[in-house]
Amino acid sequence: MILRTNKTIFMKTTLSLLLLALFSLAARAEIRTDLIVYKDGDTVLQGQFVYNDALQGKRPSILLVHQWKGLGEYEKKRAVMLANLSYVVFCVDIYGKGVRPDNAKDAGALAGKYKADRALLRSRVNMGLRVMKTNERVNPQKIAAIGYCFGGTTVLELARGGADVSGVVSFHGGLSSPAPDDAKQIKCRVLALHGADDPFVPAEEVAGFAKEMRDAKVDWQLVSYGNAVHSFTDWGAGGDNSKGAAYNERADKRSWEAMKVFFAEIFR
């Protein structure tokens, strides 16, 4: 009887210690954000690494490109969501440190500047990719790039420039290219997630993108979400489709799942 009691006490004590260790590990593990200042030419940029500090070793990693108002809270939240999926995330800065337009007029002008100068846009995003690859947590053989709106356009340009990444994902980004033949330089897989009713990316542009990808024999996918307009993943975009940009919960969740499936395929 005494032996059984002692055995029971030992087992309970051991279990308690194991649970305590697990709780302690969980308490120490957290999503961390490291600010990184770097330069492209004379332009000072500030990006952010976001990661789960409990995960050791080099990991599949995601380069995340901001929408037209620059790197802000929206991108940070998406980066945390990705870090919770065990990815290391680098939120790249295209505009420059502290350059964060707070209204549509200024944001449109700034985004238009880079869309009109694709060489500059590629230079900025490629510099972010180079910085990312130097991080000790990043597996340089397993990198994908994702972007929202302006960022979607940017990651497609990253691919068109022949960047050495596993794949790119555009969320409601512009699909046109001033040099469609550049698609022949694409080395990675491409996933474009598009609002079927997006007035800013009309049917002719979608058709042109499809032709560009086919002609270049790219491994590509285009998913169109019904009843979705521009910015369908942006929680702050409101819900009025008549404005051309609005949040759509179904399209948001479906596109996120499509991205996860894409990552599982390219990183296996």
C-alpha atoms as a PDB file:
ATOM      1  CA  MET A   1       0.000   0.000   0.000  1.00  0.00           C
ATOM      2  CA  ILE A   2       2.842   2.356   0.893  1.00  0.00           C
ATOM      3  CA  LEU A   3       4.664   1.448  -2.351  1.00  0.00           C
ATOM      4  CA  ARG A   4       1.580   2.206  -4.415  1.00  0.00           C
ATOM      5  CA  THR A   5       1.087   5.504  -2.648  1.00  0.00           C
ATOM      6  CA  ASN A   6       4.709   6.495  -3.213  1.00  0.00           C
ATOM      7  CA  LYS A   7       4.440   5.511  -6.892  1.00  0.00           C
ATOM      8  CA  THR A   8       1.304   7.589  -7.289  1.00  0.00           C
ATOM      9  CA  ILE A   9       2.955  10.569  -5.632  1.00  0.00           C
ATOM     10  CA  PHE A  10       6.010  10.168  -7.889  1.00  0.00           C
ATOM     11  CA  MET A  11       3.870  10.031 -11.039  1.00  0.00           C
ATOM     12  CA  LYS A  12       1.840  13.072 -10.021  1.00  0.00           C
ATOM     13  CA  THR A  13       4.985  15.004  -9.163  1.00  0.00           C
ATOM     14  CA  THR A  14       6.602  14.098 -12.483  1.00  0.00           C
ATOM     15  CA  LEU A  15       3.477  15.127 -14.394  1.00  0.00           C
ATOM     16  CA  SER A  16       3.316  18.406 -12.506  1.00  0.00           C
ATOM     17  CA  LEU A  17       6.953  19.154 -13.342  1.00  0.00           C
ATOM     18  CA  LEU A  18       6.386  18.379 -17.027  1.00  0.00           C
ATOM     19  CA  LEU A  19       3.347  20.635 -17.147  1.00  0.00           C
ATOM     20  CA  LEU A  20       5.260  23.354 -15.345  1.00  0.00           C
ATOM     21  CA  ALA A  21       8.082  23.079 -17.895  1.00  0.00           C
ATOM     22  CA  LEU A  22       5.630  23.302 -20.789  1.00  0.00           C
ATOM     23  CA  PHE A  23       3.880  26.317 -19.290  1.00  0.00           C
ATOM     24  CA  SER A  24       7.243  27.946 -18.640  1.00  0.00           C
ATOM     25  CA  LEU A  25       8.303  27.384 -22.279  1.00  0.00           C
ATOM     26  CA  ALA A  26       5.004  28.789 -23.528  1.00  0.00           C
ATOM     27  CA  ALA A  27       5.434  31.820 -21.291  1.00  0.00           C
ATOM     28  CA  ARG A  28       8.930  32.484 -22.658  1.00  0.00           C
ATOM     29  CA  ALA A  29       7.928  31.966 -26.302  1.00  0.00           C
ATOM     30  CA  GLU A  30       6.541  35.083 -27.892  1.00  0.00           C
ATOM     31  CA  ILE A  31       6.295  36.857 -31.195  1.00  0.00           C
ATOM     32  CA  ARG A  32       9.092  39.384 -31.416  1.00  0.00           C
ATOM     33  CA  THR A  33       9.618  42.354 -33.715  1.00  0.00           C
ATOM     34  CA  ASP A  34      13.078  43.666 -34.585  1.00  0.00           C
ATOM     35  CA  LEU A  35      13.371  47.017 -36.375  1.00  0.00           C
ATOM     36  CA  ILE A  36      15.975  46.978 -39.136  1.00  0.00           C
ATOM     37  CA  VAL A  37      17.394  50.133 -40.713  1.00  0.00           C
ATOM     38  CA  TYR A  38      19.025  49.633 -44.124  1.00  0.00           C
ATOM     39  CA  LYS A  39      19.669  51.565 -47.325  1.00  0.00           C
ATOM     40  CA  ASP A  40      18.995  51.348 -51.039  1.00  0.00           C
ATOM     41  CA  GLY A  41      21.476  53.762 -52.546  1.00  0.00           C
ATOM     42  CA  ASP A  42      21.125  56.976 -50.547  1.00  0.00           C
ATOM     43  CA  THR A  43      17.617  56.200 -49.321  1.00  0.00           C
ATOM     44  CA  VAL A  44      17.297  55.092 -45.698  1.00  0.00           C
ATOM     45  CA  LEU A  45      14.667  52.396 -45.186  1.00  0.00           C
ATOM     46  CA  GLN A  46      13.223  50.761 -42.086  1.00  0.00           C
ATOM     47  CA  GLY A  47      11.784  47.261 -42.140  1.00  0.00           C
ATOM     48  CA  GLN A  48      10.779  44.795 -39.462  1.00  0.00           C
ATOM     49  CA  PHE A  49      11.592  41.174 -38.730  1.00  0.00           C
ATOM     50  CA  VAL A  50       8.721  39.374 -37.008  1.00  0.00           C
ATOM     51  CA  TYR A  51       9.215  35.856 -35.634  1.00  0.00           C
ATOM     52  CA  ASN A  52       8.476  33.353 -32.880  1.00  0.00           C
ATOM     53  CA  ASP A  53      11.572  33.371 -30.678  1.00  0.00           C
ATOM     54  CA  ALA A  54      10.883  29.844 -29.372  1.00  0.00           C
ATOM     55  CA  LEU A  55      11.659  28.340 -32.789  1.00  0.00           C
ATOM     56  CA  GLN A  56      15.332  27.690 -33.395  1.00  0.00           C
ATOM     57  CA  GLY A  57      17.304  27.221 -36.604  1.00  0.00           C
ATOM     58  CA  LYS A  58      16.689  28.500 -40.116  1.00  0.00           C
ATOM     59  CA  ARG A  59      13.050  28.503 -41.175  1.00  0.00           C
ATOM     60  CA  PRO A  60      10.906  29.072 -44.275  1.00  0.00           C
ATOM     61  CA  SER A  61      10.454  32.833 -44.469  1.00  0.00           C
ATOM     62  CA  ILE A  62       8.124  35.409 -45.953  1.00  0.00           C
ATOM     63  CA  LEU A  63       8.963  38.806 -47.421  1.00  0.00           C
ATOM     64  CA  LEU A  64       5.892  40.995 -46.879  1.00  0.00           C
ATOM     65  CA  VAL A  65       5.316  44.152 -48.943  1.00  0.00           C
ATOM     66  CA  HIS A  66       2.992  46.902 -47.737  1.00  0.00           C
ATOM     67  CA  GLN A  67       0.013  48.548 -49.408  1.00  0.00           C
ATOM     68  CA  TRP A  68      -0.012  52.087 -50.797  1.00  0.00           C
ATOM     69  CA  LYS A  69       0.183  53.917 -47.447  1.00  0.00           C
ATOM     70  CA  GLY A  70       3.443  52.257 -46.503  1.00  0.00           C
ATOM     71  CA  LEU A  71       4.430  49.868 -43.751  1.00  0.00           C
ATOM     72  CA  GLY A  72       1.889  50.186 -40.952  1.00  0.00           C
ATOM     73  CA  GLU A  73      -0.291  48.394 -38.447  1.00  0.00           C
ATOM     74  CA  TYR A  74      -2.093  46.328 -41.078  1.00  0.00           C
ATOM     75  CA  GLU A  75       1.127  44.724 -42.316  1.00  0.00           C
ATOM     76  CA  LYS A  76       2.354  44.219 -38.746  1.00  0.00           C
ATOM     77  CA  LYS A  77      -0.797  42.281 -37.882  1.00  0.00           C
ATOM     78  CA  ARG A  78      -0.456  40.106 -40.984  1.00  0.00           C
ATOM     79  CA  ALA A  79       3.198  39.495 -40.077  1.00  0.00           C
ATOM     80  CA  VAL A  80       2.183  38.290 -36.610  1.00  0.00           C
ATOM     81  CA  MET A  81      -0.365  35.947 -38.190  1.00  0.00           C
ATOM     82  CA  LEU A  82       2.393  34.494 -40.364  1.00  0.00           C
ATOM     83  CA  ALA A  83       4.806  34.240 -37.438  1.00  0.00           C
ATOM     84  CA  ASN A  84       2.135  32.260 -35.596  1.00  0.00           C
ATOM     85  CA  LEU A  85       2.307  29.811 -38.518  1.00  0.00           C
ATOM     86  CA  SER A  86       6.036  29.398 -37.723  1.00  0.00           C
ATOM     87  CA  TYR A  87       7.357  31.604 -40.531  1.00  0.00           C
ATOM     88  CA  VAL A  88      10.035  34.261 -40.152  1.00  0.00           C
ATOM     89  CA  VAL A  89       8.669  37.452 -41.697  1.00  0.00           C
ATOM     90  CA  PHE A  90      10.472  40.515 -43.004  1.00  0.00           C
ATOM     91  CA  CYS A  91       8.211  43.505 -43.606  1.00  0.00           C
ATOM     92  CA  VAL A  92      10.073  45.406 -46.299  1.00  0.00           C
ATOM     93  CA  ASP A  93      10.000  49.190 -46.695  1.00  0.00           C
ATOM     94  CA  ILE A  94       9.649  50.529 -50.234  1.00  0.00           C
ATOM     95  CA  TYR A  95       9.067  54.233 -49.529  1.00  0.00           C
ATOM     96  CA  GLY A  96      11.750  55.122 -46.970  1.00  0.00           C
ATOM     97  CA  LYS A  97      12.061  55.488 -43.217  1.00  0.00           C
ATOM     98  CA  GLY A  98       9.215  57.601 -41.854  1.00  0.00           C
ATOM     99  CA  VAL A  99       7.552  58.021 -45.248  1.00  0.00           C
ATOM    100  CA  ARG A 100       3.988  56.953 -44.476  1.00  0.00           C
ATOM    101  CA  PRO A 101       1.302  58.921 -46.354  1.00  0.00           C
ATOM    102  CA  ASP A 102      -1.878  59.274 -44.308  1.00  0.00           C
ATOM    103  CA  ASN A 103      -4.346  60.119 -47.073  1.00  0.00           C
ATOM    104  CA  ALA A 104      -5.402  58.662 -50.400  1.00  0.00           C
ATOM    105  CA  LYS A 105      -4.105  61.571 -52.497  1.00  0.00           C
ATOM    106  CA  ASP A 106      -0.536  61.369 -51.185  1.00  0.00           C
ATOM    107  CA  ALA A 107      -0.555  57.573 -51.106  1.00  0.00           C
ATOM    108  CA  GLY A 108      -1.751  57.429 -54.704  1.00  0.00           C
ATOM    109  CA  ALA A 109       0.960  59.824 -55.849  1.00  0.00           C
ATOM    110  CA  LEU A 110       3.694  57.904 -54.056  1.00  0.00           C
ATOM    111  CA  ALA A 111       2.525  54.490 -55.242  1.00  0.00           C
ATOM    112  CA  GLY A 112       2.209  55.907 -58.764  1.00  0.00           C
ATOM    113  CA  LYS A 113       5.819  57.059 -58.662  1.00  0.00           C
ATOM    114  CA  TYR A 114       7.050  53.509 -58.148  1.00  0.00           C
ATOM    115  CA  LYS A 115       4.581  51.929 -60.554  1.00  0.00           C
ATOM    116  CA  ALA A 116       5.862  54.318 -63.227  1.00  0.00           C
ATOM    117  CA  ASP A 117       9.471  53.409 -62.440  1.00  0.00           C
ATOM    118  CA  ARG A 118       9.556  49.624 -62.265  1.00  0.00           C
ATOM    119  CA  ALA A 119      13.369  49.582 -62.130  1.00  0.00           C
ATOM    120  CA  LEU A 120      13.266  51.620 -58.898  1.00  0.00           C
ATOM    121  CA  LEU A 121      10.477  49.451 -57.508  1.00  0.00           C
ATOM    122  CA  ARG A 122      12.499  46.300 -58.212  1.00  0.00           C
ATOM    123  CA  SER A 123      15.597  47.847 -56.677  1.00  0.00           C
ATOM    124  CA  ARG A 124      13.766  48.611 -53.426  1.00  0.00           C
ATOM    125  CA  VAL A 125      12.158  45.206 -53.044  1.00  0.00           C
ATOM    126  CA  ASN A 126      15.325  43.345 -54.031  1.00  0.00           C
ATOM    127  CA  MET A 127      17.304  45.270 -51.414  1.00  0.00           C
ATOM    128  CA  GLY A 128      14.766  44.110 -48.843  1.00  0.00           C
ATOM    129  CA  LEU A 129      15.216  40.549 -50.057  1.00  0.00           C
ATOM    130  CA  ARG A 130      18.994  40.814 -49.713  1.00  0.00           C
ATOM    131  CA  VAL A 131      18.675  42.138 -46.170  1.00  0.00           C
ATOM    132  CA  MET A 132      16.259  39.352 -45.345  1.00  0.00           C
ATOM    133  CA  LYS A 133      18.634  36.645 -46.524  1.00  0.00           C
ATOM    134  CA  THR A 134      21.329  37.806 -44.103  1.00  0.00           C
ATOM    135  CA  ASN A 135      19.165  37.042 -41.067  1.00  0.00           C
ATOM    136  CA  GLU A 136      20.320  33.966 -39.131  1.00  0.00           C
ATOM    137  CA  ARG A 137      16.757  32.659 -38.778  1.00  0.00           C
ATOM    138  CA  VAL A 138      15.975  32.754 -42.515  1.00  0.00           C
ATOM    139  CA  ASN A 139      16.364  29.731 -44.768  1.00  0.00           C
ATOM    140  CA  PRO A 140      17.493  31.402 -48.019  1.00  0.00           C
ATOM    141  CA  GLN A 141      16.337  28.374 -50.019  1.00  0.00           C
ATOM    142  CA  LYS A 142      12.762  28.710 -48.758  1.00  0.00           C
ATOM    143  CA  ILE A 143      11.532  32.259 -49.218  1.00  0.00           C
ATOM    144  CA  ALA A 144       8.196  33.482 -50.532  1.00  0.00           C
ATOM    145  CA  ALA A 145       7.037  37.074 -51.031  1.00  0.00           C
ATOM    146  CA  ILE A 146       3.512  38.339 -50.474  1.00  0.00           C
ATOM    147  CA  GLY A 147       2.019  41.772 -50.966  1.00  0.00           C
ATOM    148  CA  TYR A 148      -1.242  43.658 -50.616  1.00  0.00           C
ATOM    149  CA  CYS A 149      -2.556  46.093 -53.274  1.00  0.00           C
ATOM    150  CA  PHE A 150       0.591  48.102 -54.148  1.00  0.00           C
ATOM    151  CA  GLY A 151       2.537  45.315 -52.455  1.00  0.00           C
ATOM    152  CA  GLY A 152       0.905  42.756 -54.732  1.00  0.00           C
ATOM    153  CA  THR A 153       2.154  44.688 -57.753  1.00  0.00           C
ATOM    154  CA  THR A 154       5.582  44.814 -56.118  1.00  0.00           C
ATOM    155  CA  VAL A 155       5.966  41.083 -55.524  1.00  0.00           C
ATOM    156  CA  LEU A 156       4.970  40.390 -59.126  1.00  0.00           C
ATOM    157  CA  GLU A 157       7.733  42.780 -60.192  1.00  0.00           C
ATOM    158  CA  LEU A 158      10.115  40.944 -57.878  1.00  0.00           C
ATOM    159  CA  ALA A 159       9.286  37.744 -59.750  1.00  0.00           C
ATOM    160  CA  ARG A 160       9.476  39.403 -63.189  1.00  0.00           C
ATOM    161  CA  GLY A 161      12.972  40.545 -62.312  1.00  0.00           C
ATOM    162  CA  GLY A 162      14.102  36.940 -61.875  1.00  0.00           C
ATOM    163  CA  ALA A 163      14.433  36.970 -58.086  1.00  0.00           C
ATOM    164  CA  ASP A 164      15.573  33.742 -56.462  1.00  0.00           C
ATOM    165  CA  VAL A 165      12.475  32.991 -54.365  1.00  0.00           C
ATOM    166  CA  SER A 166      10.201  29.962 -54.159  1.00  0.00           C
ATOM    167  CA  GLY A 167       6.978  31.799 -54.882  1.00  0.00           C
ATOM    168  CA  VAL A 168       5.070  35.085 -54.779  1.00  0.00           C
ATOM    169  CA  VAL A 169       1.497  35.833 -53.717  1.00  0.00           C
ATOM    170  CA  SER A 170      -0.380  38.971 -54.767  1.00  0.00           C
ATOM    171  CA  PHE A 171      -3.473  39.935 -52.756  1.00  0.00           C
ATOM    172  CA  HIS A 172      -5.689  42.283 -54.840  1.00  0.00           C
ATOM    173  CA  GLY A 173      -2.622  43.761 -56.515  1.00  0.00           C
ATOM    174  CA  GLY A 174      -2.311  45.383 -59.901  1.00  0.00           C
ATOM    175  CA  LEU A 175      -1.546  42.768 -62.553  1.00  0.00           C
ATOM    176  CA  SER A 176      -0.366  44.832 -65.518  1.00  0.00           C
ATOM    177  CA  SER A 177       3.215  45.045 -66.728  1.00  0.00           C
ATOM    178  CA  PRO A 178       4.857  47.651 -68.984  1.00  0.00           C
ATOM    179  CA  ALA A 179       7.205  44.895 -70.180  1.00  0.00           C
ATOM    180  CA  PRO A 180       5.287  41.586 -70.430  1.00  0.00           C
ATOM    181  CA  ASP A 181       8.311  39.798 -71.890  1.00  0.00           C
ATOM    182  CA  ASP A 182      10.001  40.191 -68.507  1.00  0.00           C
ATOM    183  CA  ALA A 183       7.813  37.340 -67.310  1.00  0.00           C
ATOM    184  CA  LYS A 184      10.231  35.036 -69.118  1.00  0.00           C
ATOM    185  CA  GLN A 185      12.674  35.770 -66.277  1.00  0.00           C
ATOM    186  CA  ILE A 186      10.319  34.382 -63.628  1.00  0.00           C
ATOM    187  CA  LYS A 187      11.894  31.437 -61.793  1.00  0.00           C
ATOM    188  CA  CYS A 188       9.270  30.899 -59.113  1.00  0.00           C
ATOM    189  CA  ARG A 189       5.617  29.951 -58.817  1.00  0.00           C
ATOM    190  CA  VAL A 190       3.026  32.713 -58.900  1.00  0.00           C
ATOM    191  CA  LEU A 191      -0.313  33.008 -57.116  1.00  0.00           C
ATOM    192  CA  ALA A 192      -2.575  35.995 -57.817  1.00  0.00           C
ATOM    193  CA  LEU A 193      -5.612  36.404 -55.540  1.00  0.00           C
ATOM    194  CA  HIS A 194      -8.058  38.780 -57.156  1.00  0.00           C
ATOM    195  CA  GLY A 195     -11.431  40.357 -56.443  1.00  0.00           C
ATOM    196  CA  ALA A 196     -13.668  39.411 -59.374  1.00  0.00           C
ATOM    197  CA  ASP A 197     -15.441  42.794 -59.187  1.00  0.00           C
ATOM    198  CA  ASP A 198     -12.334  44.936 -58.618  1.00  0.00           C
ATOM    199  CA  PRO A 199     -12.827  48.098 -60.722  1.00  0.00           C
ATOM    200  CA  PHE A 200      -9.154  49.041 -60.358  1.00  0.00           C
ATOM    201  CA  VAL A 201      -8.019  45.800 -61.998  1.00  0.00           C
ATOM    202  CA  PRO A 202     -10.454  45.430 -64.926  1.00  0.00           C
ATOM    203  CA  ALA A 203     -11.063  42.340 -67.019  1.00  0.00           C
ATOM    204  CA  GLU A 204      -8.661  43.467 -69.764  1.00  0.00           C
ATOM    205  CA  GLU A 205      -5.833  43.698 -67.233  1.00  0.00           C
ATOM    206  CA  VAL A 206      -6.635  40.263 -65.847  1.00  0.00           C
ATOM    207  CA  ALA A 207      -6.683  38.814 -69.369  1.00  0.00           C
ATOM    208  CA  GLY A 208      -3.365  40.505 -70.142  1.00  0.00           C
ATOM    209  CA  PHE A 209      -1.816  38.993 -67.021  1.00  0.00           C
ATOM    210  CA  ALA A 210      -3.044  35.525 -67.967  1.00  0.00           C
ATOM    211  CA  LYS A 211      -1.563  35.904 -71.452  1.00  0.00           C
ATOM    212  CA  GLU A 212       1.721  37.161 -70.022  1.00  0.00           C
ATOM    213  CA  MET A 213       1.988  34.136 -67.720  1.00  0.00           C
ATOM    214  CA  ARG A 214       1.017  31.656 -70.452  1.00  0.00           C
ATOM    215  CA  ASP A 215       3.412  33.115 -73.003  1.00  0.00           C
ATOM    216  CA  ALA A 216       6.276  32.894 -70.505  1.00  0.00           C
ATOM    217  CA  LYS A 217       5.272  29.350 -69.464  1.00  0.00           C
ATOM    218  CA  VAL A 218       5.161  30.324 -65.787  1.00  0.00           C
ATOM    219  CA  ASP A 219       3.780  27.968 -63.116  1.00  0.00           C
ATOM    220  CA  TRP A 220       0.936  30.327 -62.165  1.00  0.00           C
ATOM    221  CA  GLN A 221      -2.479  30.435 -60.557  1.00  0.00           C
ATOM    222  CA  LEU A 222      -5.158  33.119 -60.628  1.00  0.00           C
ATOM    223  CA  VAL A 223      -8.035  32.896 -58.160  1.00  0.00           C
ATOM    224  CA  SER A 224     -10.950  35.312 -58.522  1.00  0.00           C
ATOM    225  CA  TYR A 225     -13.327  35.806 -55.597  1.00  0.00           C
ATOM    226  CA  GLY A 226     -16.939  36.542 -56.455  1.00  0.00           C
ATOM    227  CA  ASN A 227     -18.567  39.675 -55.004  1.00  0.00           C
ATOM    228  CA  ALA A 228     -15.154  40.975 -53.928  1.00  0.00           C
ATOM    229  CA  VAL A 229     -13.679  44.323 -54.964  1.00  0.00           C
ATOM    230  CA  HIS A 230     -10.310  45.948 -54.294  1.00  0.00           C
ATOM    231  CA  SER A 231      -8.775  45.679 -50.777  1.00  0.00           C
ATOM    232  CA  PHE A 232     -10.935  42.683 -49.892  1.00  0.00           C
ATOM    233  CA  THR A 233      -8.486  41.615 -47.145  1.00  0.00           C
ATOM    234  CA  ASP A 234      -8.278  45.050 -45.495  1.00  0.00           C
ATOM    235  CA  TRP A 235     -10.297  45.109 -42.273  1.00  0.00           C
ATOM    236  CA  GLY A 236     -10.381  48.906 -42.369  1.00  0.00           C
ATOM    237  CA  ALA A 237     -11.719  49.250 -45.913  1.00  0.00           C
ATOM    238  CA  GLY A 238     -15.398  49.345 -44.961  1.00  0.00           C
ATOM    239  CA  GLY A 239     -18.085  47.169 -46.497  1.00  0.00           C
ATOM    240  CA  ASP A 240     -19.465  49.227 -49.382  1.00  0.00           C
ATOM    241  CA  ASN A 241     -18.535  47.582 -52.695  1.00  0.00           C
ATOM    242  CA  SER A 242     -19.828  50.602 -54.613  1.00  0.00           C
ATOM    243  CA  LYS A 243     -16.747  52.527 -53.474  1.00  0.00           C
ATOM    244  CA  GLY A 244     -14.529  50.101 -55.365  1.00  0.00           C
ATOM    245  CA  ALA A 245     -12.586  49.025 -52.279  1.00  0.00           C
ATOM    246  CA  ALA A 246     -14.172  47.116 -49.407  1.00  0.00           C
ATOM    247  CA  TYR A 247     -13.481  44.335 -46.951  1.00  0.00           C
ATOM    248  CA  ASN A 248     -14.957  40.927 -47.750  1.00  0.00           C
ATOM    249  CA  GLU A 249     -14.672  38.406 -44.924  1.00  0.00           C
ATOM    250  CA  ARG A 250     -15.240  35.336 -47.082  1.00  0.00           C
ATOM    251  CA  ALA A 251     -12.697  36.390 -49.693  1.00  0.00           C
ATOM    252  CA  ASP A 252     -10.249  37.336 -46.964  1.00  0.00           C
ATOM    253  CA  LYS A 253     -10.444  33.935 -45.268  1.00  0.00           C
ATOM    254  CA  ARG A 254     -10.486  31.983 -48.527  1.00  0.00           C
ATOM    255  CA  SER A 255      -7.470  33.837 -49.895  1.00  0.00           C
ATOM    256  CA  TRP A 256      -5.537  33.289 -46.654  1.00  0.00           C
ATOM    257  CA  GLU A 257      -6.219  29.560 -46.882  1.00  0.00           C
ATOM    258  CA  ALA A 258      -5.165  29.567 -50.552  1.00  0.00           C
ATOM    259  CA  MET A 259      -1.902  31.198 -49.530  1.00  0.00           C
ATOM    260  CA  LYS A 260      -1.308  28.548 -46.842  1.00  0.00           C
ATOM    261  CA  VAL A 261      -1.865  25.735 -49.345  1.00  0.00           C
ATOM    262  CA  PHE A 262       0.509  27.453 -51.770  1.00  0.00           C
ATOM    263  CA  PHE A 263       3.191  27.703 -49.079  1.00  0.00           C
ATOM    264  CA  ALA A 264       2.775  24.047 -48.144  1.00  0.00           C
ATOM    265  CA  GLU A 265       3.396  23.165 -51.793  1.00  0.00           C
ATOM    266  CA  ILE A 266       6.420  25.366 -52.471  1.00  0.00           C
ATOM    267  CA  PHE A 267       8.169  24.714 -49.152  1.00  0.00           C
ATOM    268  CA  ARG A 268       7.855  20.933 -49.003  1.00  0.00           C
END
